[in-house]
Amino acid sequence: MNFAQVWFTGYINPVRFVDTLKSKPAPHWGFYAQVLRSLMDSLLLYLPVAFLGRQPPTPSYLTFIPTDQYYMALIWLTPLVFMTEWLLGAVVIHIGLRLSKLPSDIDQILNLTGMASLVLAAFLVVWDWFWFAMSGVNQYFLGISHLIIDIWWFVIVVIGLKRMCDVPVKYGILMSILAFVVALPFAIIFMRAPF
């Protein structure tokens, strides 16, 4: 299967997605997935929102970026933030598994978490624009709905850790939650709801 076929398999069959991903170049595909995810958010969410002249509902926490220019800044910041979250989350999972004396492969974890993030991100871009078009959205609704949709990321990662590294499911759940909890504050500081 090629990159796009593996990606789309992540929506309908996470076991096949993981089994196919195991044989793909690691961590290359995870990196490509993160680049694509970053470009989707930057160009399909933040660029149009910046051109529409919208301002984030939450003021900038970064004093060097004024709130009225924040979406324009996010076009450039998003790839850096997403890459950092990806690396941080994978490292947390890897270190957690090693400290628990469980098998781990950082390259496979990077591939898995990167591709799982792409599966979710593509759906979330469509989701966000749908609710914007319906004019029935606020940052709290989007945030809560994203957290619910993120469950699919956990499902893919837990299955992946089990099938790629033979990690027991309970440790897979624990490590994926830990990675999410470590990366989330980083996102809260930099990222803003697009609508």
Protein backbone atom coordinates (compact mmCIF):
# COMPACT_ATOMS: atom_id res chain seq x y z
CA MET A 1 0.00 0.00 0.00
CA ASN A 2 1.15 3.53 -0.67
CA PHE A 3 1.10 6.42 1.81
CA ALA A 4 -2.42 7.61 0.94
CA GLN A 5 -3.87 4.09 1.08
CA VAL A 6 -2.37 3.48 4.53
CA TRP A 7 -3.63 6.88 5.68
CA PHE A 8 -7.21 6.21 4.57
CA THR A 9 -7.13 2.70 6.04
CA GLY A 10 -6.72 4.43 9.42
CA TYR A 11 -10.34 5.59 9.19
CA ILE A 12 -11.91 2.19 8.70
CA ASN A 13 -9.54 -0.52 9.89
CA PRO A 14 -6.98 0.46 12.54
CA VAL A 15 -5.59 -3.09 12.80
CA ARG A 16 -4.83 -3.25 9.08
CA PHE A 17 -3.51 0.33 9.27
CA VAL A 18 -1.03 -0.66 11.99
CA ASP A 19 -0.03 -3.95 10.38
CA THR A 20 0.69 -2.20 7.09
CA LEU A 21 2.48 0.70 8.77
CA LYS A 22 4.84 -1.74 10.52
CA SER A 23 6.58 -2.51 7.23
CA LYS A 24 6.91 1.12 6.08
CA PRO A 25 10.02 3.27 6.50
CA ALA A 26 10.20 4.47 10.10
CA PRO A 27 10.23 7.26 11.23
CA HIS A 28 9.97 8.69 7.71
CA TRP A 29 6.25 8.15 7.26
CA GLY A 30 5.50 9.66 10.66
CA PHE A 31 7.54 12.71 9.69
CA TYR A 32 5.79 13.04 6.31
CA ALA A 33 2.45 12.68 8.08
CA GLN A 34 3.30 15.48 10.50
CA VAL A 35 4.43 17.76 7.67
CA LEU A 36 1.18 17.07 5.82
CA ARG A 37 -0.87 17.57 8.98
CA SER A 38 0.89 20.88 9.65
CA LEU A 39 0.34 22.09 6.10
CA MET A 40 -3.34 21.17 6.24
CA ASP A 41 -3.92 23.15 9.42
CA SER A 42 -1.75 26.08 8.35
CA LEU A 43 -3.11 26.41 4.82
CA LEU A 44 -6.67 25.13 5.16
CA LEU A 45 -7.56 26.55 8.58
CA TYR A 46 -5.34 29.40 9.70
CA LEU A 47 -4.55 31.03 6.35
CA PRO A 48 -8.22 31.48 5.35
CA VAL A 49 -9.14 32.60 8.87
CA ALA A 50 -6.30 35.15 8.82
CA PHE A 51 -7.44 36.45 5.42
CA LEU A 52 -10.99 36.74 6.74
CA GLY A 53 -9.58 39.12 9.38
CA ARG A 54 -10.82 37.05 12.31
CA GLN A 55 -9.25 37.20 15.74
CA PRO A 56 -8.85 34.26 18.13
CA PRO A 57 -11.53 34.01 20.81
CA THR A 58 -8.75 33.67 23.41
CA PRO A 59 -6.10 36.40 23.58
CA SER A 60 -2.48 35.61 22.79
CA TYR A 61 -0.46 34.23 25.68
CA LEU A 62 2.68 35.16 23.77
CA THR A 63 3.37 38.84 24.37
CA PHE A 64 5.44 39.21 21.22
CA ILE A 65 2.49 38.21 18.98
CA PRO A 66 -0.50 40.58 19.14
CA THR A 67 -3.89 38.90 19.26
CA ASP A 68 -5.04 40.58 16.04
CA GLN A 69 -2.07 39.00 14.20
CA TYR A 70 -2.23 35.63 15.91
CA TYR A 71 -3.82 33.63 13.11
CA MET A 72 -1.26 34.96 10.66
CA ALA A 73 1.47 33.88 13.08
CA LEU A 74 -0.13 30.43 13.44
CA ILE A 75 0.39 29.83 9.74
CA TRP A 76 4.11 29.69 10.55
CA LEU A 77 3.96 28.44 14.15
CA THR A 78 1.69 25.45 13.52
CA PRO A 79 4.35 23.24 11.87
CA LEU A 80 6.79 23.93 14.72
CA VAL A 81 4.19 23.26 17.41
CA PHE A 82 2.93 20.06 15.76
CA MET A 83 6.45 18.72 15.18
CA THR A 84 7.37 19.44 18.79
CA GLU A 85 4.20 17.76 20.09
CA TRP A 86 4.84 14.74 17.88
CA LEU A 87 8.43 14.31 19.08
CA LEU A 88 7.55 15.01 22.70
CA GLY A 89 4.64 12.55 22.72
CA ALA A 90 6.65 9.77 21.09
CA VAL A 91 9.57 10.28 23.46
CA VAL A 92 7.25 10.17 26.48
CA ILE A 93 5.79 6.88 25.25
CA HIS A 94 9.24 5.44 24.52
CA ILE A 95 10.74 6.47 27.87
CA GLY A 96 7.64 5.29 29.73
CA LEU A 97 7.85 1.88 28.10
CA ARG A 98 11.60 1.59 28.73
CA LEU A 99 11.22 2.60 32.39
CA SER A 100 8.48 -0.04 32.69
CA LYS A 101 10.91 -2.58 31.21
CA LEU A 102 8.60 -3.10 28.23
CA PRO A 103 9.68 -3.43 24.60
CA SER A 104 9.85 -0.20 22.63
CA ASP A 105 10.99 1.03 19.22
CA ILE A 106 11.18 4.82 18.98
CA ASP A 107 11.15 4.78 15.17
CA GLN A 108 7.94 2.74 15.05
CA ILE A 109 6.38 4.91 17.76
CA LEU A 110 7.20 8.03 15.74
CA ASN A 111 5.67 6.45 12.64
CA LEU A 112 2.59 5.34 14.55
CA THR A 113 1.88 8.61 16.37
CA GLY A 114 2.61 10.70 13.28
CA MET A 115 0.30 8.73 11.02
CA ALA A 116 -2.41 8.50 13.71
CA SER A 117 -2.27 12.29 14.05
CA LEU A 118 -2.69 12.71 10.30
CA VAL A 119 -5.74 10.43 10.31
CA LEU A 120 -7.37 12.66 12.92
CA ALA A 121 -6.18 15.98 11.55
CA ALA A 122 -7.71 15.52 8.11
CA PHE A 123 -11.06 14.71 9.68
CA LEU A 124 -10.81 17.65 12.09
CA VAL A 125 -10.17 20.18 9.31
CA VAL A 126 -13.41 19.09 7.62
CA TRP A 127 -15.18 19.01 11.00
CA ASP A 128 -14.12 22.56 11.88
CA TRP A 129 -15.16 24.00 8.51
CA PHE A 130 -18.49 22.18 8.66
CA TRP A 131 -19.36 23.81 11.98
CA PHE A 132 -18.11 27.19 10.81
CA ALA A 133 -20.35 26.94 7.74
CA MET A 134 -23.29 26.00 9.95
CA SER A 135 -22.57 29.09 12.12
CA GLY A 136 -23.11 26.99 15.20
CA VAL A 137 -19.69 26.87 16.73
CA ASN A 138 -17.62 28.32 19.52
CA GLN A 139 -14.20 27.47 20.87
CA TYR A 140 -15.59 25.41 23.73
CA PHE A 141 -17.72 23.24 21.47
CA LEU A 142 -14.79 22.72 19.10
CA GLY A 143 -12.44 21.92 21.98
CA ILE A 144 -14.75 19.36 23.56
CA SER A 145 -15.62 17.79 20.21
CA HIS A 146 -11.91 17.53 19.37
CA LEU A 147 -11.26 15.74 22.66
CA ILE A 148 -14.04 13.26 21.88
CA ILE A 149 -12.77 12.70 18.34
CA ASP A 150 -9.23 12.27 19.73
CA ILE A 151 -10.38 8.95 21.19
CA TRP A 152 -9.73 7.50 17.71
CA TRP A 153 -6.06 8.56 18.04
CA PHE A 154 -5.88 6.64 21.33
CA VAL A 155 -7.47 3.57 19.73
CA ILE A 156 -4.96 3.59 16.87
CA VAL A 157 -1.96 4.19 19.16
CA VAL A 158 -2.95 1.49 21.67
CA ILE A 159 -3.51 -1.03 18.87
CA GLY A 160 -0.21 0.04 17.32
CA LEU A 161 1.78 -0.33 20.53
CA LYS A 162 0.28 -3.80 21.02
CA ARG A 163 0.91 -5.00 17.46
CA MET A 164 4.23 -3.22 16.78
CA CYS A 165 5.98 -3.48 20.13
CA ASP A 166 3.96 -6.18 21.95
CA VAL A 167 2.98 -3.73 24.70
CA PRO A 168 0.10 -4.91 26.92
CA VAL A 169 -3.09 -2.93 26.26
CA LYS A 170 -3.26 -1.40 29.75
CA TYR A 171 0.27 0.00 29.34
CA GLY A 172 -0.56 1.20 25.84
CA ILE A 173 -3.54 3.11 27.22
CA LEU A 174 -1.46 4.54 30.06
CA MET A 175 1.41 5.60 27.77
CA SER A 176 -0.85 7.19 25.17
CA ILE A 177 -2.73 9.14 27.86
CA LEU A 178 0.59 10.23 29.38
CA ALA A 179 1.84 11.44 25.98
CA PHE A 180 -1.39 13.35 25.43
CA VAL A 181 -1.26 14.96 28.87
CA VAL A 182 2.36 16.05 28.37
CA ALA A 183 1.75 17.49 24.88
CA LEU A 184 -1.61 19.17 25.58
CA PRO A 185 -0.30 22.11 27.68
CA PHE A 186 2.16 22.90 24.91
CA ALA A 187 -0.74 23.10 22.44
CA ILE A 188 -2.80 25.22 24.82
CA ILE A 189 -0.04 27.82 25.02
CA PHE A 190 0.41 28.20 21.26
CA MET A 191 -2.66 27.00 19.37
CA ARG A 192 -6.05 28.71 19.10
CA ALA A 193 -9.45 27.54 17.91
CA PRO A 194 -9.85 28.64 14.29
CA PHE A 195 -13.39 29.90 14.84
